């Protein structure tokens, strides 16, 4: 996926808006993080711990967990990974933030 594809998908979700600046774009719903640009070629998706474990188990080539994010409800997605899995993670993040 590209950041443009992330933008197209994330902003299609009700209330999800793009913020930030080039090099550090992010998408929020009600000022709560859904997904943001992370290291080159990756995005950081805010998901609950159970969803994170399921994503890591089901798509190990797409999702990872750098040590600095272990205590946070976040997972790192490789943009070269499974686009459908990344969209699923974004939708999970959006749903969590809508609560």
PDB file of N, CA and C in Angstrom:
ATOM      1  N   UNK A   1       0.839  -1.186   0.000  1.00  0.00           N
ATOM      2  CA  UNK A   1       0.000   0.000   0.000  1.00  0.00           C
ATOM      3  C   UNK A   1       0.878   1.242   0.000  1.00  0.00           C
ATOM      4  N   UNK A   2       0.308   2.300  -0.491  1.00  0.00           N
ATOM      5  CA  UNK A   2       0.980   3.594  -0.432  1.00  0.00           C
ATOM      6  C   UNK A   2       0.263   4.460   0.609  1.00  0.00           C
ATOM      7  N   UNK A   3       0.903   5.552   0.990  1.00  0.00           N
ATOM      8  CA  UNK A   3       0.234   6.471   1.912  1.00  0.00           C
ATOM      9  C   UNK A   3      -1.009   7.083   1.272  1.00  0.00           C
ATOM     10  N   UNK A   4      -0.996   7.254  -0.043  1.00  0.00           N
ATOM     11  CA  UNK A   4      -2.190   7.754  -0.725  1.00  0.00           C
ATOM     12  C   UNK A   4      -3.337   6.754  -0.603  1.00  0.00           C
ATOM     13  N   UNK A   5      -3.027   5.465  -0.700  1.00  0.00           N
ATOM     14  CA  UNK A   5      -4.064   4.439  -0.538  1.00  0.00           C
ATOM     15  C   UNK A   5      -4.557   4.381   0.908  1.00  0.00           C
ATOM     16  N   UNK A   6      -3.635   4.562   1.855  1.00  0.00           N
ATOM     17  CA  UNK A   6      -4.029   4.639   3.267  1.00  0.00           C
ATOM     18  C   UNK A   6      -4.978   5.824   3.443  1.00  0.00           C
ATOM     19  N   UNK A   7      -4.617   6.962   2.868  1.00  0.00           N
ATOM     20  CA  UNK A   7      -5.446   8.159   2.965  1.00  0.00           C
ATOM     21  C   UNK A   7      -6.830   7.919   2.376  1.00  0.00           C
ATOM     22  N   UNK A   8      -6.870   7.337   1.202  1.00  0.00           N
ATOM     23  CA  UNK A   8      -8.152   7.077   0.539  1.00  0.00           C
ATOM     24  C   UNK A   8      -9.033   6.181   1.403  1.00  0.00           C
ATOM     25  N   UNK A   9      -8.434   5.120   1.963  1.00  0.00           N
ATOM     26  CA  UNK A   9      -9.223   4.198   2.780  1.00  0.00           C
ATOM     27  C   UNK A   9      -9.624   4.841   4.111  1.00  0.00           C
ATOM     28  N   UNK A  10      -8.662   5.404   4.827  1.00  0.00           N
ATOM     29  CA  UNK A  10      -8.949   5.957   6.158  1.00  0.00           C
ATOM     30  C   UNK A  10      -9.998   7.065   6.083  1.00  0.00           C
ATOM     31  N   UNK A  11      -9.876   7.946   5.108  1.00  0.00           N
ATOM     32  CA  UNK A  11     -10.834   9.051   5.022  1.00  0.00           C
ATOM     33  C   UNK A  11     -12.199   8.605   4.509  1.00  0.00           C
ATOM     34  N   UNK A  12     -12.302   7.371   4.025  1.00  0.00           N
ATOM     35  CA  UNK A  12     -13.614   6.841   3.640  1.00  0.00           C
ATOM     36  C   UNK A  12     -14.409   6.387   4.862  1.00  0.00           C
ATOM     37  N   UNK A  13     -13.739   6.256   6.008  1.00  0.00           N
ATOM     38  CA  UNK A  13     -14.400   5.842   7.244  1.00  0.00           C
ATOM     39  C   UNK A  13     -15.009   7.078   7.911  1.00  0.00           C
ATOM     40  N   UNK A  14     -16.231   6.963   8.346  1.00  0.00           N
ATOM     41  CA  UNK A  14     -16.974   8.100   8.900  1.00  0.00           C
ATOM     42  C   UNK A  14     -16.191   8.825   9.991  1.00  0.00           C
ATOM     43  N   UNK A  15     -15.992  10.114   9.799  1.00  0.00           N
ATOM     44  CA  UNK A  15     -15.351  10.949  10.804  1.00  0.00           C
ATOM     45  C   UNK A  15     -13.842  10.896  10.844  1.00  0.00           C
ATOM     46  N   UNK A  16     -13.221  10.090   9.999  1.00  0.00           N
ATOM     47  CA  UNK A  16     -11.762   9.943  10.019  1.00  0.00           C
ATOM     48  C   UNK A  16     -11.140  11.036   9.145  1.00  0.00           C
ATOM     49  N   UNK A  17     -10.246  11.809   9.754  1.00  0.00           N
ATOM     50  CA  UNK A  17      -9.648  12.951   9.061  1.00  0.00           C
ATOM     51  C   UNK A  17      -8.126  12.883   9.087  1.00  0.00           C
ATOM     52  N   UNK A  18      -7.542  13.370   8.011  1.00  0.00           N
ATOM     53  CA  UNK A  18      -6.081  13.430   7.901  1.00  0.00           C
ATOM     54  C   UNK A  18      -5.574  14.694   8.585  1.00  0.00           C
ATOM     55  N   UNK A  19      -4.471  14.540   9.317  1.00  0.00           N
ATOM     56  CA  UNK A  19      -3.804  15.668   9.971  1.00  0.00           C
ATOM     57  C   UNK A  19      -2.305  15.481   9.804  1.00  0.00           C
ATOM     58  N   UNK A  20      -1.562  16.428  10.317  1.00  0.00           N
ATOM     59  CA  UNK A  20      -0.112  16.308  10.275  1.00  0.00           C
ATOM     60  C   UNK A  20       0.485  17.087   9.131  1.00  0.00           C
ATOM     61  N   UNK A  21       1.701  16.696   8.777  1.00  0.00           N
ATOM     62  CA  UNK A  21       2.446  17.386   7.732  1.00  0.00           C
ATOM     63  C   UNK A  21       3.235  16.343   6.950  1.00  0.00           C
ATOM     64  N   UNK A  22       3.744  16.692   5.762  1.00  0.00           N
ATOM     65  CA  UNK A  22       4.521  15.720   4.988  1.00  0.00           C
ATOM     66  C   UNK A  22       5.635  15.113   5.836  1.00  0.00           C
ATOM     67  N   UNK A  23       5.751  13.819   5.767  1.00  0.00           N
ATOM     68  CA  UNK A  23       6.747  13.106   6.558  1.00  0.00           C
ATOM     69  C   UNK A  23       6.213  12.622   7.889  1.00  0.00           C
ATOM     70  N   UNK A  24       5.048  13.127   8.276  1.00  0.00           N
ATOM     71  CA  UNK A  24       4.453  12.698   9.545  1.00  0.00           C
ATOM     72  C   UNK A  24       2.929  12.874   9.484  1.00  0.00           C
ATOM     73  N   UNK A  25       2.312  12.244   8.495  1.00  0.00           N
ATOM     74  CA  UNK A  25       0.862  12.340   8.366  1.00  0.00           C
ATOM     75  C   UNK A  25       0.200  11.325   9.292  1.00  0.00           C
ATOM     76  N   UNK A  26      -1.026  11.640   9.673  1.00  0.00           N
ATOM     77  CA  UNK A  26      -1.776  10.765  10.567  1.00  0.00           C
ATOM     78  C   UNK A  26      -3.264  10.942  10.291  1.00  0.00           C
ATOM     79  N   UNK A  27      -4.036   9.967  10.712  1.00  0.00           N
ATOM     80  CA  UNK A  27      -5.478  10.002  10.547  1.00  0.00           C
ATOM     81  C   UNK A  27      -6.109   9.791  11.912  1.00  0.00           C
ATOM     82  N   UNK A  28      -7.096  10.617  12.211  1.00  0.00           N
ATOM     83  CA  UNK A  28      -7.741  10.630  13.522  1.00  0.00           C
ATOM     84  C   UNK A  28      -9.255  10.591  13.361  1.00  0.00           C
ATOM     85  N   UNK A  29      -9.921  10.080  14.371  1.00  0.00           N
ATOM     86  CA  UNK A  29     -11.366  10.209  14.487  1.00  0.00           C
ATOM     87  C   UNK A  29     -11.625  10.803  15.875  1.00  0.00           C
ATOM     88  N   UNK A  30     -12.368  11.893  15.903  1.00  0.00           N
ATOM     89  CA  UNK A  30     -12.629  12.600  17.168  1.00  0.00           C
ATOM     90  C   UNK A  30     -11.330  12.900  17.916  1.00  0.00           C
ATOM     91  N   UNK A  31     -10.304  13.315  17.190  1.00  0.00           N
ATOM     92  CA  UNK A  31      -8.980  13.643  17.746  1.00  0.00           C
ATOM     93  C   UNK A  31      -8.293  12.463  18.425  1.00  0.00           C
ATOM     94  N   UNK A  32      -8.697  11.249  18.079  1.00  0.00           N
ATOM     95  CA  UNK A  32      -8.044  10.039  18.590  1.00  0.00           C
ATOM     96  C   UNK A  32      -7.340   9.346  17.428  1.00  0.00           C
ATOM     97  N   UNK A  33      -6.101   8.963  17.663  1.00  0.00           N
ATOM     98  CA  UNK A  33      -5.284   8.362  16.612  1.00  0.00           C
ATOM     99  C   UNK A  33      -5.877   7.065  16.084  1.00  0.00           C
ATOM    100  N   UNK A  34      -5.892   6.938  14.762  1.00  0.00           N
ATOM    101  CA  UNK A  34      -6.257   5.696  14.088  1.00  0.00           C
ATOM    102  C   UNK A  34      -4.994   5.083  13.495  1.00  0.00           C
ATOM    103  N   UNK A  35      -4.309   5.840  12.654  1.00  0.00           N
ATOM    104  CA  UNK A  35      -3.099   5.353  11.985  1.00  0.00           C
ATOM    105  C   UNK A  35      -2.208   6.554  11.683  1.00  0.00           C
ATOM    106  N   UNK A  36      -0.893   6.325  11.721  1.00  0.00           N
ATOM    107  CA  UNK A  36       0.022   7.410  11.371  1.00  0.00           C
ATOM    108  C   UNK A  36       1.256   6.848  10.696  1.00  0.00           C
ATOM    109  N   UNK A  37       1.875   7.701   9.922  1.00  0.00           N
ATOM    110  CA  UNK A  37       3.135   7.358   9.278  1.00  0.00           C
ATOM    111  C   UNK A  37       4.170   7.118  10.369  1.00  0.00           C
ATOM    112  N   UNK A  38       4.985   6.081  10.192  1.00  0.00           N
ATOM    113  CA  UNK A  38       6.011   5.756  11.182  1.00  0.00           C
ATOM    114  C   UNK A  38       7.356   5.773  10.473  1.00  0.00           C
ATOM    115  N   UNK A  39       8.144   4.763  10.674  1.00  0.00           N
ATOM    116  CA  UNK A  39       9.438   4.663  10.001  1.00  0.00           C
ATOM    117  C   UNK A  39       9.202   4.525   8.499  1.00  0.00           C
ATOM    118  N   UNK A  40      10.206   4.812   7.669  1.00  0.00           N
ATOM    119  CA  UNK A  40      10.018   4.697   6.217  1.00  0.00           C
ATOM    120  C   UNK A  40       9.432   3.335   5.833  1.00  0.00           C
ATOM    121  N   UNK A  41       8.358   3.380   5.034  1.00  0.00           N
ATOM    122  CA  UNK A  41       7.721   2.156   4.558  1.00  0.00           C
ATOM    123  C   UNK A  41       6.789   1.497   5.549  1.00  0.00           C
ATOM    124  N   UNK A  42       6.491   2.191   6.651  1.00  0.00           N
ATOM    125  CA  UNK A  42       5.595   1.610   7.660  1.00  0.00           C
ATOM    126  C   UNK A  42       4.596   2.650   8.152  1.00  0.00           C
ATOM    127  N   UNK A  43       3.514   2.131   8.723  1.00  0.00           N
ATOM    128  CA  UNK A  43       2.563   2.963   9.460  1.00  0.00           C
ATOM    129  C   UNK A  43       2.340   2.313  10.814  1.00  0.00           C
ATOM    130  N   UNK A  44       1.910   3.119  11.751  1.00  0.00           N
ATOM    131  CA  UNK A  44       1.596   2.651  13.092  1.00  0.00           C
ATOM    132  C   UNK A  44       0.082   2.715  13.247  1.00  0.00           C
ATOM    133  N   UNK A  45      -0.523   1.585  13.613  1.00  0.00           N
ATOM    134  CA  UNK A  45      -1.974   1.494  13.723  1.00  0.00           C
ATOM    135  C   UNK A  45      -2.338   1.280  15.187  1.00  0.00           C
ATOM    136  N   UNK A  46      -3.293   2.040  15.672  1.00  0.00           N
ATOM    137  CA  UNK A  46      -3.718   1.910  17.073  1.00  0.00           C
ATOM    138  C   UNK A  46      -4.805   0.852  17.159  1.00  0.00           C
ATOM    139  N   UNK A  47      -4.491  -0.283  17.758  1.00  0.00           N
ATOM    140  CA  UNK A  47      -5.457  -1.369  17.940  1.00  0.00           C
ATOM    141  C   UNK A  47      -5.353  -1.881  19.368  1.00  0.00           C
ATOM    142  N   UNK A  48      -6.416  -2.518  19.830  1.00  0.00           N
ATOM    143  CA  UNK A  48      -6.401  -3.123  21.152  1.00  0.00           C
ATOM    144  C   UNK A  48      -5.407  -4.273  21.211  1.00  0.00           C
ATOM    145  N   UNK A  49      -5.035  -4.647  22.422  1.00  0.00           N
ATOM    146  CA  UNK A  49      -4.024  -5.693  22.599  1.00  0.00           C
ATOM    147  C   UNK A  49      -4.446  -7.027  21.979  1.00  0.00           C
ATOM    148  N   UNK A  50      -5.709  -7.430  22.145  1.00  0.00           N
ATOM    149  CA  UNK A  50      -6.168  -8.705  21.569  1.00  0.00           C
ATOM    150  C   UNK A  50      -6.125  -8.658  20.049  1.00  0.00           C
ATOM    151  N   UNK A  51      -6.602  -7.572  19.468  1.00  0.00           N
ATOM    152  CA  UNK A  51      -6.553  -7.433  18.007  1.00  0.00           C
ATOM    153  C   UNK A  51      -5.112  -7.418  17.521  1.00  0.00           C
ATOM    154  N   UNK A  52      -4.243  -6.759  18.264  1.00  0.00           N
ATOM    155  CA  UNK A  52      -2.828  -6.709  17.889  1.00  0.00           C
ATOM    156  C   UNK A  52      -2.236  -8.111  17.834  1.00  0.00           C
ATOM    157  N   UNK A  53      -2.488  -8.911  18.850  1.00  0.00           N
ATOM    158  CA  UNK A  53      -1.943 -10.275  18.873  1.00  0.00           C
ATOM    159  C   UNK A  53      -2.473 -11.097  17.708  1.00  0.00           C
ATOM    160  N   UNK A  54      -3.752 -10.937  17.401  1.00  0.00           N
ATOM    161  CA  UNK A  54      -4.338 -11.675  16.279  1.00  0.00           C
ATOM    162  C   UNK A  54      -3.701 -11.240  14.954  1.00  0.00           C
ATOM    163  N   UNK A  55      -3.509  -9.946  14.769  1.00  0.00           N
ATOM    164  CA  UNK A  55      -2.873  -9.454  13.540  1.00  0.00           C
ATOM    165  C   UNK A  55      -1.444  -9.972  13.417  1.00  0.00           C
ATOM    166  N   UNK A  56      -0.708  -9.943  14.521  1.00  0.00           N
ATOM    167  CA  UNK A  56       0.675 -10.441  14.509  1.00  0.00           C
ATOM    168  C   UNK A  56       0.724 -11.932  14.192  1.00  0.00           C
ATOM    169  N   UNK A  57      -0.192 -12.703  14.769  1.00  0.00           N
ATOM    170  CA  UNK A  57      -0.227 -14.154  14.531  1.00  0.00           C
ATOM    171  C   UNK A  57      -0.663 -14.489  13.110  1.00  0.00           C
ATOM    172  N   UNK A  58      -1.692 -13.787  12.621  1.00  0.00           N
ATOM    173  CA  UNK A  58      -2.262 -14.106  11.309  1.00  0.00           C
ATOM    174  C   UNK A  58      -1.468 -13.538  10.138  1.00  0.00           C
ATOM    175  N   UNK A  59      -0.723 -12.467  10.366  1.00  0.00           N
ATOM    176  CA  UNK A  59      -0.012 -11.791   9.268  1.00  0.00           C
ATOM    177  C   UNK A  59       1.390 -11.367   9.707  1.00  0.00           C
ATOM    178  N   UNK A  60       2.249 -12.330  10.045  1.00  0.00           N
ATOM    179  CA  UNK A  60       3.582 -11.974  10.555  1.00  0.00           C
ATOM    180  C   UNK A  60       4.470 -11.256   9.537  1.00  0.00           C
ATOM    181  N   UNK A  61       4.169 -11.391   8.251  1.00  0.00           N
ATOM    182  CA  UNK A  61       4.966 -10.699   7.238  1.00  0.00           C
ATOM    183  C   UNK A  61       4.494  -9.261   7.011  1.00  0.00           C
ATOM    184  N   UNK A  62       3.355  -8.918   7.579  1.00  0.00           N
ATOM    185  CA  UNK A  62       2.797  -7.576   7.412  1.00  0.00           C
ATOM    186  C   UNK A  62       2.943  -6.737   8.675  1.00  0.00           C
ATOM    187  N   UNK A  63       2.752  -7.357   9.837  1.00  0.00           N
ATOM    188  CA  UNK A  63       2.746  -6.621  11.099  1.00  0.00           C
ATOM    189  C   UNK A  63       3.916  -7.002  11.979  1.00  0.00           C
ATOM    190  N   UNK A  64       4.403  -6.021  12.701  1.00  0.00           N
ATOM    191  CA  UNK A  64       5.487  -6.233  13.649  1.00  0.00           C
ATOM    192  C   UNK A  64       5.256  -5.387  14.893  1.00  0.00           C
ATOM    193  N   UNK A  65       6.072  -5.653  15.896  1.00  0.00           N
ATOM    194  CA  UNK A  65       5.944  -4.933  17.156  1.00  0.00           C
ATOM    195  C   UNK A  65       7.323  -4.546  17.675  1.00  0.00           C
ATOM    196  N   UNK A  66       7.799  -3.364  17.275  1.00  0.00           N
ATOM    197  CA  UNK A  66       9.082  -2.899  17.807  1.00  0.00           C
ATOM    198  C   UNK A  66       8.996  -2.796  19.335  1.00  0.00           C
ATOM    199  N   UNK A  67      10.086  -3.086  20.022  1.00  0.00           N
ATOM    200  CA  UNK A  67      10.071  -3.081  21.491  1.00  0.00           C
ATOM    201  C   UNK A  67       9.494  -1.803  22.109  1.00  0.00           C
ATOM    202  N   UNK A  68       9.714  -0.666  21.484  1.00  0.00           N
ATOM    203  CA  UNK A  68       9.228   0.588  22.080  1.00  0.00           C
ATOM    204  C   UNK A  68       7.705   0.686  22.092  1.00  0.00           C
ATOM    205  N   UNK A  69       7.005  -0.146  21.319  1.00  0.00           N
ATOM    206  CA  UNK A  69       5.545  -0.104  21.258  1.00  0.00           C
ATOM    207  C   UNK A  69       4.881  -1.238  22.034  1.00  0.00           C
ATOM    208  N   UNK A  70       5.651  -2.113  22.675  1.00  0.00           N
ATOM    209  CA  UNK A  70       5.076  -3.276  23.354  1.00  0.00           C
ATOM    210  C   UNK A  70       4.034  -2.912  24.407  1.00  0.00           C
ATOM    211  N   UNK A  71       4.235  -1.834  25.136  1.00  0.00           N
ATOM    212  CA  UNK A  71       3.312  -1.456  26.210  1.00  0.00           C
ATOM    213  C   UNK A  71       2.145  -0.601  25.718  1.00  0.00           C
ATOM    214  N   UNK A  72       2.134  -0.305  24.435  1.00  0.00           N
ATOM    215  CA  UNK A  72       1.112   0.565  23.860  1.00  0.00           C
ATOM    216  C   UNK A  72       0.165  -0.237  22.978  1.00  0.00           C
ATOM    217  N   UNK A  73      -1.038   0.259  22.824  1.00  0.00           N
ATOM    218  CA  UNK A  73      -2.015  -0.404  21.958  1.00  0.00           C
ATOM    219  C   UNK A  73      -1.762   0.016  20.505  1.00  0.00           C
ATOM    220  N   UNK A  74      -0.643  -0.463  19.976  1.00  0.00           N
ATOM    221  CA  UNK A  74      -0.251  -0.109  18.614  1.00  0.00           C
ATOM    222  C   UNK A  74       0.459  -1.287  17.969  1.00  0.00           C
ATOM    223  N   UNK A  75       0.385  -1.318  16.646  1.00  0.00           N
ATOM    224  CA  UNK A  75       1.103  -2.320  15.869  1.00  0.00           C
ATOM    225  C   UNK A  75       1.668  -1.617  14.638  1.00  0.00           C
ATOM    226  N   UNK A  76       2.850  -2.040  14.215  1.00  0.00           N
ATOM    227  CA  UNK A  76       3.488  -1.456  13.039  1.00  0.00           C
ATOM    228  C   UNK A  76       3.151  -2.311  11.823  1.00  0.00           C
ATOM    229  N   UNK A  77       2.727  -1.656  10.745  1.00  0.00           N
ATOM    230  CA  UNK A  77       2.385  -2.352   9.505  1.00  0.00           C
ATOM    231  C   UNK A  77       3.376  -1.975   8.413  1.00  0.00           C
ATOM    232  N   UNK A  78       3.882  -2.988   7.729  1.00  0.00           N
ATOM    233  CA  UNK A  78       4.780  -2.807   6.594  1.00  0.00           C
ATOM    234  C   UNK A  78       3.922  -2.528   5.364  1.00  0.00           C
ATOM    235  N   UNK A  79       4.121  -1.394   4.727  1.00  0.00           N
ATOM    236  CA  UNK A  79       3.298  -1.017   3.580  1.00  0.00           C
ATOM    237  C   UNK A  79       3.451  -1.964   2.397  1.00  0.00           C
ATOM    238  N   UNK A  80       4.512  -2.768   2.380  1.00  0.00           N
ATOM    239  CA  UNK A  80       4.678  -3.777   1.331  1.00  0.00           C
ATOM    240  C   UNK A  80       3.938  -5.065   1.668  1.00  0.00           C
ATOM    241  N   UNK A  81       3.291  -5.105   2.820  1.00  0.00           N
ATOM    242  CA  UNK A  81       2.582  -6.307   3.267  1.00  0.00           C
ATOM    243  C   UNK A  81       1.202  -6.428   2.642  1.00  0.00           C
ATOM    244  N   UNK A  82       0.388  -7.261   3.249  1.00  0.00           N
ATOM    245  CA  UNK A  82      -0.960  -7.582   2.787  1.00  0.00           C
ATOM    246  C   UNK A  82      -1.875  -6.359   2.950  1.00  0.00           C
ATOM    247  N   UNK A  83      -2.286  -5.784   1.821  1.00  0.00           N
ATOM    248  CA  UNK A  83      -3.101  -4.566   1.852  1.00  0.00           C
ATOM    249  C   UNK A  83      -4.440  -4.797   2.542  1.00  0.00           C
ATOM    250  N   UNK A  84      -5.053  -5.950   2.323  1.00  0.00           N
ATOM    251  CA  UNK A  84      -6.332  -6.227   2.977  1.00  0.00           C
ATOM    252  C   UNK A  84      -6.166  -6.306   4.488  1.00  0.00           C
ATOM    253  N   UNK A  85      -5.068  -6.890   4.949  1.00  0.00           N
ATOM    254  CA  UNK A  85      -4.814  -6.978   6.391  1.00  0.00           C
ATOM    255  C   UNK A  85      -4.585  -5.585   6.982  1.00  0.00           C
ATOM    256  N   UNK A  86      -3.903  -4.728   6.252  1.00  0.00           N
ATOM    257  CA  UNK A  86      -3.680  -3.360   6.731  1.00  0.00           C
ATOM    258  C   UNK A  86      -5.006  -2.608   6.810  1.00  0.00           C
ATOM    259  N   UNK A  87      -5.850  -2.776   5.795  1.00  0.00           N
ATOM    260  CA  UNK A  87      -7.170  -2.141   5.836  1.00  0.00           C
ATOM    261  C   UNK A  87      -7.986  -2.660   7.022  1.00  0.00           C
ATOM    262  N   UNK A  88      -7.888  -3.962   7.297  1.00  0.00           N
ATOM    263  CA  UNK A  88      -8.587  -4.535   8.453  1.00  0.00           C
ATOM    264  C   UNK A  88      -8.099  -3.888   9.744  1.00  0.00           C
ATOM    265  N   UNK A  89      -6.788  -3.734   9.881  1.00  0.00           N
ATOM    266  CA  UNK A  89      -6.226  -3.109  11.085  1.00  0.00           C
ATOM    267  C   UNK A  89      -6.717  -1.666  11.224  1.00  0.00           C
ATOM    268  N   UNK A  90      -6.753  -0.943  10.126  1.00  0.00           N
ATOM    269  CA  UNK A  90      -7.226   0.446  10.167  1.00  0.00           C
ATOM    270  C   UNK A  90      -8.696   0.494  10.573  1.00  0.00           C
ATOM    271  N   UNK A  91      -9.485  -0.416  10.037  1.00  0.00           N
ATOM    272  CA  UNK A  91     -10.908  -0.456  10.403  1.00  0.00           C
ATOM    273  C   UNK A  91     -11.073  -0.786  11.884  1.00  0.00           C
ATOM    274  N   UNK A  92     -10.273  -1.725  12.401  1.00  0.00           N
ATOM    275  CA  UNK A  92     -10.322  -2.049  13.832  1.00  0.00           C
ATOM    276  C   UNK A  92      -9.968  -0.822  14.674  1.00  0.00           C
ATOM    277  N   UNK A  93      -8.942  -0.089  14.248  1.00  0.00           N
ATOM    278  CA  UNK A  93      -8.529   1.115  14.975  1.00  0.00           C
ATOM    279  C   UNK A  93      -9.634   2.162  14.950  1.00  0.00           C
ATOM    280  N   UNK A  94     -10.230   2.359  13.795  1.00  0.00           N
ATOM    281  CA  UNK A  94     -11.325   3.317  13.654  1.00  0.00           C
ATOM    282  C   UNK A  94     -12.488   2.942  14.571  1.00  0.00           C
ATOM    283  N   UNK A  95     -12.862   1.662  14.569  1.00  0.00           N
ATOM    284  CA  UNK A  95     -13.976   1.206  15.409  1.00  0.00           C
ATOM    285  C   UNK A  95     -13.658   1.408  16.892  1.00  0.00           C
ATOM    286  N   UNK A  96     -12.417   1.132  17.287  1.00  0.00           N
ATOM    287  CA  UNK A  96     -12.028   1.304  18.680  1.00  0.00           C
ATOM    288  C   UNK A  96     -12.122   2.777  19.090  1.00  0.00           C
ATOM    289  N   UNK A  97     -11.734   3.660  18.214  1.00  0.00           N
ATOM    290  CA  UNK A  97     -11.721   5.082  18.544  1.00  0.00           C
ATOM    291  C   UNK A  97     -13.110   5.710  18.481  1.00  0.00           C
ATOM    292  N   UNK A  98     -14.040   5.074  17.811  1.00  0.00           N
ATOM    293  CA  UNK A  98     -15.409   5.581  17.725  1.00  0.00           C
ATOM    294  C   UNK A  98     -16.180   5.335  19.014  1.00  0.00           C
ATOM    295  N   UNK A  99     -15.682   4.471  19.879  1.00  0.00           N
ATOM    296  CA  UNK A  99     -16.408   4.103  21.107  1.00  0.00           C
ATOM    297  C   UNK A  99     -16.492   5.245  22.069  1.00  0.00           C
TER     298      UNK A  99
END
